[in-house]
PDB file of N, CA and C in Angstrom:
ATOM      1  N   UNK A   1       1.323  12.887 -13.594  1.00  0.00           N
ATOM      2  CA  UNK A   1       2.354  11.490 -13.493  1.00  0.00           C
ATOM      3  C   UNK A   1       1.752  10.481 -13.304  1.00  0.00           C
ATOM      4  N   UNK A   2       2.224   9.248 -13.317  1.00  0.00           N
ATOM      5  CA  UNK A   2       1.761   7.971 -13.170  1.00  0.00           C
ATOM      6  C   UNK A   2       2.630   7.366 -11.946  1.00  0.00           C
ATOM      7  N   UNK A   3       2.457   7.272 -10.957  1.00  0.00           N
ATOM      8  CA  UNK A   3       3.720   6.629 -10.150  1.00  0.00           C
ATOM      9  C   UNK A   3       3.119   4.959  -9.410  1.00  0.00           C
ATOM     10  N   UNK A   4       4.352   4.372  -9.622  1.00  0.00           N
ATOM     11  CA  UNK A   4       3.735   2.833  -8.703  1.00  0.00           C
ATOM     12  C   UNK A   4       4.650   2.814  -7.663  1.00  0.00           C
ATOM     13  N   UNK A   5       4.568   1.971  -6.658  1.00  0.00           N
ATOM     14  CA  UNK A   5       5.317   1.506  -5.658  1.00  0.00           C
ATOM     15  C   UNK A   5       5.007   0.112  -5.300  1.00  0.00           C
ATOM     16  N   UNK A   6       6.365  -0.485  -5.160  1.00  0.00           N
ATOM     17  CA  UNK A   6       5.908  -1.765  -4.219  1.00  0.00           C
ATOM     18  C   UNK A   6       6.382  -1.690  -2.625  1.00  0.00           C
ATOM     19  N   UNK A   7       5.613  -2.272  -2.110  1.00  0.00           N
ATOM     20  CA  UNK A   7       6.373  -2.495  -0.270  1.00  0.00           C
ATOM     21  C   UNK A   7       6.120  -3.626   0.371  1.00  0.00           C
ATOM     22  N   UNK A   8       7.618  -4.399   0.637  1.00  0.00           N
ATOM     23  CA  UNK A   8       7.561  -5.492   1.009  1.00  0.00           C
ATOM     24  C   UNK A   8       7.819  -5.831   2.362  1.00  0.00           C
ATOM     25  N   UNK A   9       7.290  -4.590   3.226  1.00  0.00           N
ATOM     26  CA  UNK A   9       7.388  -4.656   4.758  1.00  0.00           C
ATOM     27  C   UNK A   9       6.508  -4.429   5.170  1.00  0.00           C
ATOM     28  N   UNK A  10       6.163  -4.854   6.291  1.00  0.00           N
ATOM     29  CA  UNK A  10       5.187  -4.388   7.622  1.00  0.00           C
ATOM     30  C   UNK A  10       5.185  -2.790   7.984  1.00  0.00           C
ATOM     31  N   UNK A  11       4.107  -3.153   8.759  1.00  0.00           N
ATOM     32  CA  UNK A  11       4.162  -2.031   9.299  1.00  0.00           C
ATOM     33  C   UNK A  11       5.237  -1.759  10.241  1.00  0.00           C
ATOM     34  N   UNK A  12       5.661  -0.774  10.735  1.00  0.00           N
ATOM     35  CA  UNK A  12       6.398  -0.405  11.772  1.00  0.00           C
ATOM     36  C   UNK A  12       7.719  -1.533  11.983  1.00  0.00           C
ATOM     37  N   UNK A  13       8.003  -1.838  11.186  1.00  0.00           N
ATOM     38  CA  UNK A  13       9.164  -2.374  10.973  1.00  0.00           C
ATOM     39  C   UNK A  13      10.473  -1.842   9.945  1.00  0.00           C
ATOM     40  N   UNK A  14      10.387  -0.881   9.249  1.00  0.00           N
ATOM     41  CA  UNK A  14      10.917   0.164   8.555  1.00  0.00           C
ATOM     42  C   UNK A  14      10.210   1.314   8.021  1.00  0.00           C
ATOM     43  N   UNK A  15      10.665   2.221   7.412  1.00  0.00           N
ATOM     44  CA  UNK A  15      10.277   3.208   7.010  1.00  0.00           C
ATOM     45  C   UNK A  15       9.596   3.588   5.549  1.00  0.00           C
ATOM     46  N   UNK A  16       9.602   2.209   5.210  1.00  0.00           N
ATOM     47  CA  UNK A  16       9.001   2.002   4.118  1.00  0.00           C
ATOM     48  C   UNK A  16       7.862   2.230   3.463  1.00  0.00           C
ATOM     49  N   UNK A  17       6.555   2.066   4.285  1.00  0.00           N
ATOM     50  CA  UNK A  17       5.398   2.683   4.292  1.00  0.00           C
ATOM     51  C   UNK A  17       5.177   4.325   4.468  1.00  0.00           C
ATOM     52  N   UNK A  18       5.876   4.461   5.546  1.00  0.00           N
ATOM     53  CA  UNK A  18       5.906   5.951   5.455  1.00  0.00           C
ATOM     54  C   UNK A  18       6.242   6.634   4.473  1.00  0.00           C
ATOM     55  N   UNK A  19       8.046   6.177   3.909  1.00  0.00           N
ATOM     56  CA  UNK A  19       8.224   6.896   2.961  1.00  0.00           C
ATOM     57  C   UNK A  19       7.013   7.002   1.831  1.00  0.00           C
ATOM     58  N   UNK A  20       6.451   5.662   1.333  1.00  0.00           N
ATOM     59  CA  UNK A  20       5.288   5.752   0.582  1.00  0.00           C
ATOM     60  C   UNK A  20       4.180   6.469   0.732  1.00  0.00           C
ATOM     61  N   UNK A  21       3.666   6.513   1.705  1.00  0.00           N
ATOM     62  CA  UNK A  21       2.708   7.743   2.244  1.00  0.00           C
ATOM     63  C   UNK A  21       3.255   8.736   2.108  1.00  0.00           C
ATOM     64  N   UNK A  22       4.347   9.351   2.462  1.00  0.00           N
ATOM     65  CA  UNK A  22       5.066  10.653   2.097  1.00  0.00           C
ATOM     66  C   UNK A  22       5.109  11.453   1.075  1.00  0.00           C
ATOM     67  N   UNK A  23       5.560  10.044  -0.319  1.00  0.00           N
ATOM     68  CA  UNK A  23       5.576  10.515  -1.675  1.00  0.00           C
ATOM     69  C   UNK A  23       4.218  10.273  -2.225  1.00  0.00           C
ATOM     70  N   UNK A  24       3.310   9.504  -2.229  1.00  0.00           N
ATOM     71  CA  UNK A  24       1.880   9.328  -2.447  1.00  0.00           C
ATOM     72  C   UNK A  24       1.050  10.490  -2.128  1.00  0.00           C
ATOM     73  N   UNK A  25       1.452  10.681  -0.613  1.00  0.00           N
ATOM     74  CA  UNK A  25       0.471  12.032  -0.404  1.00  0.00           C
ATOM     75  C   UNK A  25       0.541  13.309  -1.135  1.00  0.00           C
ATOM     76  N   UNK A  26       2.239  13.650  -1.407  1.00  0.00           N
ATOM     77  CA  UNK A  26       2.538  14.848  -2.040  1.00  0.00           C
ATOM     78  C   UNK A  26       2.515  14.750  -3.403  1.00  0.00           C
ATOM     79  N   UNK A  27       2.289  13.493  -3.984  1.00  0.00           N
ATOM     80  CA  UNK A  27       2.034  13.359  -5.818  1.00  0.00           C
ATOM     81  C   UNK A  27       0.633  13.096  -5.965  1.00  0.00           C
ATOM     82  N   UNK A  28      -0.292  12.762  -4.838  1.00  0.00           N
ATOM     83  CA  UNK A  28      -1.924  13.017  -5.066  1.00  0.00           C
ATOM     84  C   UNK A  28      -2.263  14.513  -4.820  1.00  0.00           C
ATOM     85  N   UNK A  29      -1.567  15.423  -4.014  1.00  0.00           N
ATOM     86  CA  UNK A  29      -2.344  16.424  -4.191  1.00  0.00           C
ATOM     87  C   UNK A  29      -1.793  17.282  -5.174  1.00  0.00           C
ATOM     88  N   UNK A  30      -0.977  16.702  -6.052  1.00  0.00           N
ATOM     89  CA  UNK A  30      -0.433  17.539  -7.403  1.00  0.00           C
ATOM     90  C   UNK A  30      -1.255  16.925  -8.518  1.00  0.00           C
ATOM     91  N   UNK A  31      -2.072  16.106  -8.217  1.00  0.00           N
ATOM     92  CA  UNK A  31      -2.965  15.211  -9.112  1.00  0.00           C
ATOM     93  C   UNK A  31      -2.152  14.323  -9.988  1.00  0.00           C
ATOM     94  N   UNK A  32      -0.983  13.544  -9.298  1.00  0.00           N
ATOM     95  CA  UNK A  32      -1.002  12.804 -10.056  1.00  0.00           C
ATOM     96  C   UNK A  32      -1.384  11.119  -9.733  1.00  0.00           C
ATOM     97  N   UNK A  33      -1.023   9.930 -10.300  1.00  0.00           N
ATOM     98  CA  UNK A  33      -2.091   9.126 -10.452  1.00  0.00           C
ATOM     99  C   UNK A  33      -0.985   8.124  -9.527  1.00  0.00           C
ATOM    100  N   UNK A  34      -1.315   7.624  -8.380  1.00  0.00           N
ATOM    101  CA  UNK A  34      -0.503   6.651  -7.394  1.00  0.00           C
ATOM    102  C   UNK A  34      -1.196   5.225  -7.691  1.00  0.00           C
ATOM    103  N   UNK A  35      -0.604   4.312  -7.595  1.00  0.00           N
ATOM    104  CA  UNK A  35      -1.049   2.551  -7.411  1.00  0.00           C
ATOM    105  C   UNK A  35      -0.222   2.072  -6.669  1.00  0.00           C
ATOM    106  N   UNK A  36      -0.503   1.130  -5.458  1.00  0.00           N
ATOM    107  CA  UNK A  36       0.723   0.974  -4.574  1.00  0.00           C
ATOM    108  C   UNK A  36       0.202  -0.939  -4.534  1.00  0.00           C
ATOM    109  N   UNK A  37       1.218  -1.453  -4.793  1.00  0.00           N
ATOM    110  CA  UNK A  37       1.197  -3.054  -4.281  1.00  0.00           C
ATOM    111  C   UNK A  37       1.632  -3.371  -3.448  1.00  0.00           C
ATOM    112  N   UNK A  38       1.285  -4.112  -2.224  1.00  0.00           N
ATOM    113  CA  UNK A  38       1.528  -4.582  -1.255  1.00  0.00           C
ATOM    114  C   UNK A  38       1.906  -6.098  -1.581  1.00  0.00           C
ATOM    115  N   UNK A  39       3.185  -6.744  -0.953  1.00  0.00           N
ATOM    116  CA  UNK A  39       4.128  -7.948  -1.242  1.00  0.00           C
ATOM    117  C   UNK A  39       4.434  -8.443  -0.176  1.00  0.00           C
ATOM    118  N   UNK A  40       4.390  -9.808   0.290  1.00  0.00           N
ATOM    119  CA  UNK A  40       5.142 -10.379   1.545  1.00  0.00           C
ATOM    120  C   UNK A  40       4.472 -10.038   2.515  1.00  0.00           C
ATOM    121  N   UNK A  41       5.021  -9.277   3.704  1.00  0.00           N
ATOM    122  CA  UNK A  41       4.326  -8.855   4.799  1.00  0.00           C
ATOM    123  C   UNK A  41       3.955  -7.242   4.608  1.00  0.00           C
ATOM    124  N   UNK A  42       4.096  -6.698   3.411  1.00  0.00           N
ATOM    125  CA  UNK A  42       3.723  -5.352   2.934  1.00  0.00           C
ATOM    126  C   UNK A  42       1.640  -5.838   3.049  1.00  0.00           C
ATOM    127  N   UNK A  43       1.478  -6.502   2.946  1.00  0.00           N
ATOM    128  CA  UNK A  43       0.234  -6.845   3.074  1.00  0.00           C
ATOM    129  C   UNK A  43      -0.683  -6.250   4.341  1.00  0.00           C
ATOM    130  N   UNK A  44       0.309  -6.583   5.503  1.00  0.00           N
ATOM    131  CA  UNK A  44       0.031  -6.126   6.979  1.00  0.00           C
ATOM    132  C   UNK A  44      -0.291  -4.678   6.995  1.00  0.00           C
ATOM    133  N   UNK A  45       0.021  -3.841   6.046  1.00  0.00           N
ATOM    134  CA  UNK A  45      -0.273  -2.194   6.206  1.00  0.00           C
ATOM    135  C   UNK A  45      -1.692  -2.206   5.756  1.00  0.00           C
ATOM    136  N   UNK A  46      -2.324  -3.034   5.215  1.00  0.00           N
ATOM    137  CA  UNK A  46      -4.137  -3.179   4.705  1.00  0.00           C
ATOM    138  C   UNK A  46      -4.883  -3.281   6.179  1.00  0.00           C
ATOM    139  N   UNK A  47      -4.215  -3.808   6.875  1.00  0.00           N
ATOM    140  CA  UNK A  47      -4.804  -4.389   8.191  1.00  0.00           C
ATOM    141  C   UNK A  47      -5.622  -2.979   8.951  1.00  0.00           C
ATOM    142  N   UNK A  48      -7.210  -3.261   9.252  1.00  0.00           N
ATOM    143  CA  UNK A  48      -7.930  -2.286   9.168  1.00  0.00           C
ATOM    144  C   UNK A  48      -7.612  -1.937  10.768  1.00  0.00           C
ATOM    145  N   UNK A  49      -7.274  -3.046  11.571  1.00  0.00           N
ATOM    146  CA  UNK A  49      -7.223  -3.180  12.762  1.00  0.00           C
ATOM    147  C   UNK A  49      -5.832  -2.697  13.531  1.00  0.00           C
ATOM    148  N   UNK A  50      -4.841  -1.999  12.972  1.00  0.00           N
ATOM    149  CA  UNK A  50      -3.580  -1.630  13.292  1.00  0.00           C
ATOM    150  C   UNK A  50      -4.043  -0.510  14.567  1.00  0.00           C
ATOM    151  N   UNK A  51      -3.621  -0.723  15.856  1.00  0.00           N
ATOM    152  CA  UNK A  51      -3.692   0.250  16.835  1.00  0.00           C
ATOM    153  C   UNK A  51      -2.437   0.747  17.058  1.00  0.00           C
ATOM    154  N   UNK A  52      -2.271   1.859  17.242  1.00  0.00           N
ATOM    155  CA  UNK A  52      -0.738   2.717  17.825  1.00  0.00           C
ATOM    156  C   UNK A  52      -1.142   4.040  18.438  1.00  0.00           C
ATOM    157  N   UNK A  53      -1.859   3.678  19.471  1.00  0.00           N
ATOM    158  CA  UNK A  53      -1.833   4.929  20.103  1.00  0.00           C
ATOM    159  C   UNK A  53      -1.000   6.149  20.057  1.00  0.00           C
ATOM    160  N   UNK A  54       0.365   5.472  20.252  1.00  0.00           N
ATOM    161  CA  UNK A  54       1.365   6.591  20.771  1.00  0.00           C
ATOM    162  C   UNK A  54       2.484   6.938  19.298  1.00  0.00           C
ATOM    163  N   UNK A  55       2.060   6.153  18.388  1.00  0.00           N
ATOM    164  CA  UNK A  55       2.976   6.455  16.915  1.00  0.00           C
ATOM    165  C   UNK A  55       1.955   6.766  15.671  1.00  0.00           C
ATOM    166  N   UNK A  56       2.692   7.146  14.957  1.00  0.00           N
ATOM    167  CA  UNK A  56       1.338   7.255  13.878  1.00  0.00           C
ATOM    168  C   UNK A  56       0.944   6.135  13.519  1.00  0.00           C
ATOM    169  N   UNK A  57      -0.448   6.577  12.839  1.00  0.00           N
ATOM    170  CA  UNK A  57      -1.281   5.194  12.480  1.00  0.00           C
ATOM    171  C   UNK A  57      -1.016   4.821  10.978  1.00  0.00           C
ATOM    172  N   UNK A  58      -0.536   3.816  10.878  1.00  0.00           N
ATOM    173  CA  UNK A  58      -0.747   3.409   9.412  1.00  0.00           C
ATOM    174  C   UNK A  58      -1.870   3.309   8.694  1.00  0.00           C
ATOM    175  N   UNK A  59      -2.867   2.728   9.410  1.00  0.00           N
ATOM    176  CA  UNK A  59      -4.259   2.340   8.816  1.00  0.00           C
ATOM    177  C   UNK A  59      -4.649   3.569   8.421  1.00  0.00           C
ATOM    178  N   UNK A  60      -4.664   4.874   9.312  1.00  0.00           N
ATOM    179  CA  UNK A  60      -5.189   6.068   8.853  1.00  0.00           C
ATOM    180  C   UNK A  60      -4.511   6.497   7.887  1.00  0.00           C
ATOM    181  N   UNK A  61      -3.218   6.723   7.811  1.00  0.00           N
ATOM    182  CA  UNK A  61      -2.546   6.988   6.474  1.00  0.00           C
ATOM    183  C   UNK A  61      -2.801   6.479   5.389  1.00  0.00           C
ATOM    184  N   UNK A  62      -2.937   4.942   5.636  1.00  0.00           N
ATOM    185  CA  UNK A  62      -3.711   4.435   4.021  1.00  0.00           C
ATOM    186  C   UNK A  62      -5.115   5.366   3.757  1.00  0.00           C
ATOM    187  N   UNK A  63      -6.039   5.290   4.855  1.00  0.00           N
ATOM    188  CA  UNK A  63      -7.325   5.582   4.677  1.00  0.00           C
ATOM    189  C   UNK A  63      -6.763   6.792   4.006  1.00  0.00           C
ATOM    190  N   UNK A  64      -6.317   7.666   4.503  1.00  0.00           N
ATOM    191  CA  UNK A  64      -6.215   9.207   4.122  1.00  0.00           C
ATOM    192  C   UNK A  64      -5.794   9.224   2.305  1.00  0.00           C
ATOM    193  N   UNK A  65      -4.679   8.579   1.771  1.00  0.00           N
ATOM    194  CA  UNK A  65      -4.405   8.150   0.689  1.00  0.00           C
ATOM    195  C   UNK A  65      -5.578   7.792  -0.370  1.00  0.00           C
ATOM    196  N   UNK A  66      -6.231   6.738   0.309  1.00  0.00           N
ATOM    197  CA  UNK A  66      -6.972   6.272  -0.204  1.00  0.00           C
ATOM    198  C   UNK A  66      -7.837   7.358  -0.854  1.00  0.00           C
ATOM    199  N   UNK A  67      -8.579   7.724   0.068  1.00  0.00           N
ATOM    200  CA  UNK A  67      -9.489   9.408  -0.181  1.00  0.00           C
ATOM    201  C   UNK A  67      -9.167  10.189  -1.353  1.00  0.00           C
ATOM    202  N   UNK A  68      -7.842  10.291  -1.045  1.00  0.00           N
ATOM    203  CA  UNK A  68      -7.145  11.089  -2.178  1.00  0.00           C
ATOM    204  C   UNK A  68      -7.108  10.368  -3.614  1.00  0.00           C
ATOM    205  N   UNK A  69      -7.301   9.080  -3.519  1.00  0.00           N
ATOM    206  CA  UNK A  69      -7.715   8.779  -4.619  1.00  0.00           C
ATOM    207  C   UNK A  69      -6.267   7.578  -5.046  1.00  0.00           C
ATOM    208  N   UNK A  70      -5.548   7.427  -4.225  1.00  0.00           N
ATOM    209  CA  UNK A  70      -4.488   6.252  -4.283  1.00  0.00           C
ATOM    210  C   UNK A  70      -5.288   4.887  -4.453  1.00  0.00           C
ATOM    211  N   UNK A  71      -4.581   3.888  -5.467  1.00  0.00           N
ATOM    212  CA  UNK A  71      -5.023   2.720  -5.497  1.00  0.00           C
ATOM    213  C   UNK A  71      -4.347   1.903  -4.919  1.00  0.00           C
ATOM    214  N   UNK A  72      -4.818   1.107  -3.437  1.00  0.00           N
ATOM    215  CA  UNK A  72      -3.675   0.015  -3.137  1.00  0.00           C
ATOM    216  C   UNK A  72      -4.612  -1.410  -3.231  1.00  0.00           C
ATOM    217  N   UNK A  73      -3.395  -1.859  -3.624  1.00  0.00           N
ATOM    218  CA  UNK A  73      -4.013  -3.320  -3.501  1.00  0.00           C
ATOM    219  C   UNK A  73      -2.708  -4.623  -2.877  1.00  0.00           C
ATOM    220  N   UNK A  74      -3.114  -5.380  -2.321  1.00  0.00           N
ATOM    221  CA  UNK A  74      -2.058  -6.172  -1.531  1.00  0.00           C
ATOM    222  C   UNK A  74      -2.266  -7.914  -2.807  1.00  0.00           C
ATOM    223  N   UNK A  75      -0.910  -8.603  -2.208  1.00  0.00           N
ATOM    224  CA  UNK A  75      -1.126  -9.961  -3.178  1.00  0.00           C
ATOM    225  C   UNK A  75      -1.789 -10.996  -1.928  1.00  0.00           C
ATOM    226  N   UNK A  76      -2.884 -11.210  -2.704  1.00  0.00           N
ATOM    227  CA  UNK A  76      -3.834 -12.189  -2.259  1.00  0.00           C
ATOM    228  C   UNK A  76      -3.107 -13.775  -1.676  1.00  0.00           C
ATOM    229  N   UNK A  77      -1.983 -14.139  -2.247  1.00  0.00           N
ATOM    230  CA  UNK A  77      -1.493 -14.893  -1.767  1.00  0.00           C
ATOM    231  C   UNK A  77      -0.815 -14.847  -0.594  1.00  0.00           C
ATOM    232  N   UNK A  78       0.188 -13.871  -0.427  1.00  0.00           N
ATOM    233  CA  UNK A  78       0.807 -13.105   0.512  1.00  0.00           C
ATOM    234  C   UNK A  78      -0.113 -12.999   2.022  1.00  0.00           C
ATOM    235  N   UNK A  79      -1.307 -12.370   1.414  1.00  0.00           N
ATOM    236  CA  UNK A  79      -2.131 -12.539   2.708  1.00  0.00           C
ATOM    237  C   UNK A  79      -2.536 -13.756   3.151  1.00  0.00           C
ATOM    238  N   UNK A  80      -3.172 -14.840   2.465  1.00  0.00           N
ATOM    239  CA  UNK A  80      -3.351 -16.060   2.941  1.00  0.00           C
ATOM    240  C   UNK A  80      -2.526 -16.920   3.664  1.00  0.00           C
ATOM    241  N   UNK A  81      -1.070 -17.025   3.107  1.00  0.00           N
ATOM    242  CA  UNK A  81      -0.023 -17.310   3.820  1.00  0.00           C
ATOM    243  C   UNK A  81      -0.027 -16.655   5.314  1.00  0.00           C
ATOM    244  N   UNK A  82      -0.487 -15.579   5.717  1.00  0.00           N
ATOM    245  CA  UNK A  82      -0.223 -14.698   7.214  1.00  0.00           C
ATOM    246  C   UNK A  82      -1.827 -14.586   7.551  1.00  0.00           C
ATOM    247  N   UNK A  83      -2.779 -14.988   6.896  1.00  0.00           N
ATOM    248  CA  UNK A  83      -3.582 -15.122   7.838  1.00  0.00           C
ATOM    249  C   UNK A  83      -4.970 -13.773   7.849  1.00  0.00           C
ATOM    250  N   UNK A  84      -4.075 -12.958   6.547  1.00  0.00           N
ATOM    251  CA  UNK A  84      -5.204 -11.335   6.719  1.00  0.00           C
ATOM    252  C   UNK A  84      -6.424 -12.095   5.615  1.00  0.00           C
ATOM    253  N   UNK A  85      -7.542 -11.749   6.309  1.00  0.00           N
ATOM    254  CA  UNK A  85      -8.435 -11.962   5.434  1.00  0.00           C
ATOM    255  C   UNK A  85      -9.217 -10.792   5.182  1.00  0.00           C
ATOM    256  N   UNK A  86     -10.149 -10.656   4.080  1.00  0.00           N
ATOM    257  CA  UNK A  86     -10.728  -9.870   3.580  1.00  0.00           C
ATOM    258  C   UNK A  86     -11.414  -9.059   4.492  1.00  0.00           C
ATOM    259  N   UNK A  87     -11.978  -9.729   5.468  1.00  0.00           N
ATOM    260  CA  UNK A  87     -12.741  -8.771   6.422  1.00  0.00           C
ATOM    261  C   UNK A  87     -11.841  -8.295   7.251  1.00  0.00           C
ATOM    262  N   UNK A  88     -10.425  -8.133   7.003  1.00  0.00           N
ATOM    263  CA  UNK A  88      -9.741  -7.330   8.070  1.00  0.00           C
ATOM    264  C   UNK A  88      -8.753  -5.927   7.207  1.00  0.00           C
ATOM    265  N   UNK A  89      -9.839  -6.137   5.855  1.00  0.00           N
ATOM    266  CA  UNK A  89      -8.906  -5.179   5.310  1.00  0.00           C
ATOM    267  C   UNK A  89      -9.369  -3.427   5.530  1.00  0.00           C
ATOM    268  N   UNK A  90      -8.606  -2.637   5.060  1.00  0.00           N
ATOM    269  CA  UNK A  90      -9.046  -1.353   5.422  1.00  0.00           C
ATOM    270  C   UNK A  90      -9.826  -1.230   4.081  1.00  0.00           C
ATOM    271  N   UNK A  91     -11.281  -0.242   4.226  1.00  0.00           N
ATOM    272  CA  UNK A  91     -12.066   0.098   3.011  1.00  0.00           C
ATOM    273  C   UNK A  91     -11.473   0.548   2.024  1.00  0.00           C
ATOM    274  N   UNK A  92     -11.377   0.023   1.137  1.00  0.00           N
ATOM    275  CA  UNK A  92     -11.274   0.448  -0.413  1.00  0.00           C
ATOM    276  C   UNK A  92      -9.881  -0.253  -1.071  1.00  0.00           C
ATOM    277  N   UNK A  93      -9.420  -1.268  -0.126  1.00  0.00           N
ATOM    278  CA  UNK A  93      -8.338  -1.541  -0.513  1.00  0.00           C
ATOM    279  C   UNK A  93      -8.829  -3.051  -0.720  1.00  0.00           C
ATOM    280  N   UNK A  94      -8.012  -3.822  -1.876  1.00  0.00           N
ATOM    281  CA  UNK A  94      -7.987  -5.029  -2.579  1.00  0.00           C
ATOM    282  C   UNK A  94      -7.259  -5.763  -2.698  1.00  0.00           C
ATOM    283  N   UNK A  95      -7.371  -7.233  -2.667  1.00  0.00           N
ATOM    284  CA  UNK A  95      -6.575  -8.307  -2.774  1.00  0.00           C
ATOM    285  C   UNK A  95      -6.230  -8.334  -4.502  1.00  0.00           C
ATOM    286  N   UNK A  96      -5.107  -8.594  -4.962  1.00  0.00           N
ATOM    287  CA  UNK A  96      -5.125  -9.025  -6.530  1.00  0.00           C
ATOM    288  C   UNK A  96      -3.615  -9.859  -6.623  1.00  0.00           C
ATOM    289  N   UNK A  97      -3.276 -10.208  -7.560  1.00  0.00           N
ATOM    290  CA  UNK A  97      -2.457 -10.928  -8.182  1.00  0.00           C
ATOM    291  C   UNK A  97      -1.336 -10.421  -8.476  1.00  0.00           C
ATOM    292  N   UNK A  98      -0.226 -11.258  -9.096  1.00  0.00           N
ATOM    293  CA  UNK A  98       0.999 -10.711  -9.773  1.00  0.00           C
ATOM    294  C   UNK A  98       0.554  -9.817 -11.125  1.00  0.00           C
ATOM    295  N   UNK A  99      -0.510 -10.366 -11.749  1.00  0.00           N
ATOM    296  CA  UNK A  99      -0.297  -9.691 -12.714  1.00  0.00           C
ATOM    297  C   UNK A  99      -1.046  -8.153 -13.136  1.00  0.00           C
ATOM    298  N   UNK A 100      -1.444  -8.068 -11.911  1.00  0.00           N
ATOM    299  CA  UNK A 100      -2.368  -6.718 -11.323  1.00  0.00           C
ATOM    300  C   UNK A 100      -0.311  -5.816 -11.113  1.00  0.00           C
ATOM    301  N   UNK A 101       0.361  -6.695 -10.445  1.00  0.00           N
ATOM    302  CA  UNK A 101       1.873  -5.772 -10.338  1.00  0.00           C
ATOM    303  C   UNK A 101       2.680  -5.689 -12.052  1.00  0.00           C
ATOM    304  N   UNK A 102       2.109  -6.816 -12.717  1.00  0.00           N
ATOM    305  CA  UNK A 102       2.536  -6.315 -14.116  1.00  0.00           C
ATOM    306  C   UNK A 102       2.404  -5.243 -14.853  1.00  0.00           C
ATOM    307  N   UNK A 103       0.613  -5.422 -14.578  1.00  0.00           N
ATOM    308  CA  UNK A 103      -0.171  -4.028 -15.118  1.00  0.00           C
ATOM    309  C   UNK A 103       0.401  -2.653 -14.440  1.00  0.00           C
ATOM    310  N   UNK A 104       0.812  -2.642 -13.147  1.00  0.00           N
ATOM    311  CA  UNK A 104       1.054  -1.493 -12.435  1.00  0.00           C
ATOM    312  C   UNK A 104       2.291  -0.891 -13.507  1.00  0.00           C
ATOM    313  N   UNK A 105       3.730  -1.778 -13.285  1.00  0.00           N
ATOM    314  CA  UNK A 105       4.540  -2.007 -14.189  1.00  0.00           C
ATOM    315  C   UNK A 105       4.503  -1.344 -15.478  1.00  0.00           C
ATOM    316  N   UNK A 106       3.764  -1.467 -16.260  1.00  0.00           N
ATOM    317  CA  UNK A 106       3.385  -1.449 -17.707  1.00  0.00           C
ATOM    318  C   UNK A 106       2.401  -0.201 -18.206  1.00  0.00           C
ATOM    319  N   UNK A 107       2.259   0.355 -16.751  1.00  0.00           N
ATOM    320  CA  UNK A 107       1.269   1.683 -16.997  1.00  0.00           C
ATOM    321  C   UNK A 107       1.809   2.787 -16.425  1.00  0.00           C
ATOM    322  N   UNK A 108       2.906   2.636 -15.343  1.00  0.00           N
ATOM    323  CA  UNK A 108       3.186   3.857 -14.792  1.00  0.00           C
ATOM    324  C   UNK A 108       4.474   4.689 -15.398  1.00  0.00           C
ATOM    325  N   UNK A 109       4.723   5.866 -15.184  1.00  0.00           N
ATOM    326  CA  UNK A 109       5.523   6.513 -15.519  1.00  0.00           C
ATOM    327  C   UNK A 109       7.131   6.221 -14.716  1.00  0.00           C
ATOM    328  N   UNK A 110       6.651   5.916 -13.237  1.00  0.00           N
ATOM    329  CA  UNK A 110       8.136   6.052 -12.753  1.00  0.00           C
ATOM    330  C   UNK A 110       7.648   4.823 -11.360  1.00  0.00           C
ATOM    331  N   UNK A 111       8.100   3.729 -11.172  1.00  0.00           N
ATOM    332  CA  UNK A 111       8.210   2.716 -10.255  1.00  0.00           C
ATOM    333  C   UNK A 111       9.173   2.946  -9.273  1.00  0.00           C
ATOM    334  N   UNK A 112       8.638   2.777  -7.847  1.00  0.00           N
ATOM    335  CA  UNK A 112       9.849   2.522  -6.989  1.00  0.00           C
ATOM    336  C   UNK A 112       9.431   1.237  -5.708  1.00  0.00           C
ATOM    337  N   UNK A 113      10.557   0.622  -5.589  1.00  0.00           N
ATOM    338  CA  UNK A 113      10.169  -0.655  -4.845  1.00  0.00           C
ATOM    339  C   UNK A 113      10.997  -0.711  -3.662  1.00  0.00           C
ATOM    340  N   UNK A 114      10.355  -0.855  -2.492  1.00  0.00           N
ATOM    341  CA  UNK A 114      11.118  -0.472  -1.139  1.00  0.00           C
ATOM    342  C   UNK A 114      10.740  -1.702  -0.420  1.00  0.00           C
ATOM    343  N   UNK A 115      12.040  -2.571  -0.055  1.00  0.00           N
ATOM    344  CA  UNK A 115      11.728  -3.807   0.457  1.00  0.00           C
ATOM    345  C   UNK A 115      12.731  -3.890   1.754  1.00  0.00           C
ATOM    346  N   UNK A 116      13.223  -4.814   1.901  1.00  0.00           N
ATOM    347  CA  UNK A 116      14.593  -5.128   3.084  1.00  0.00           C
ATOM    348  C   UNK A 116      15.896  -4.561   2.725  1.00  0.00           C
TER     349      UNK A 116
END
């Protein structure tokens, strides 16, 4: 199965990225394909410099599902507006445009959108 996710919220502001991590992790372990598009404040989930000594580390969770085969892209325009630069991205994540989101929508069996 091919599963797509859209995440519009940043790390630690809601459970959205945690929900995506849990679902993606389990899907990838089953052999499913996972594509994640981070939009609006969701692009902050790609920040490699997230530090959370007493909380779960979102950057580490993103690295974990990347290693399992997830594809993670963030809106380049959203990142630009928020001052997130390519050198601050978790290795393996990339910037993309809205055309990539449409590509996901057209190629997956299931799509979940998590926002405000």
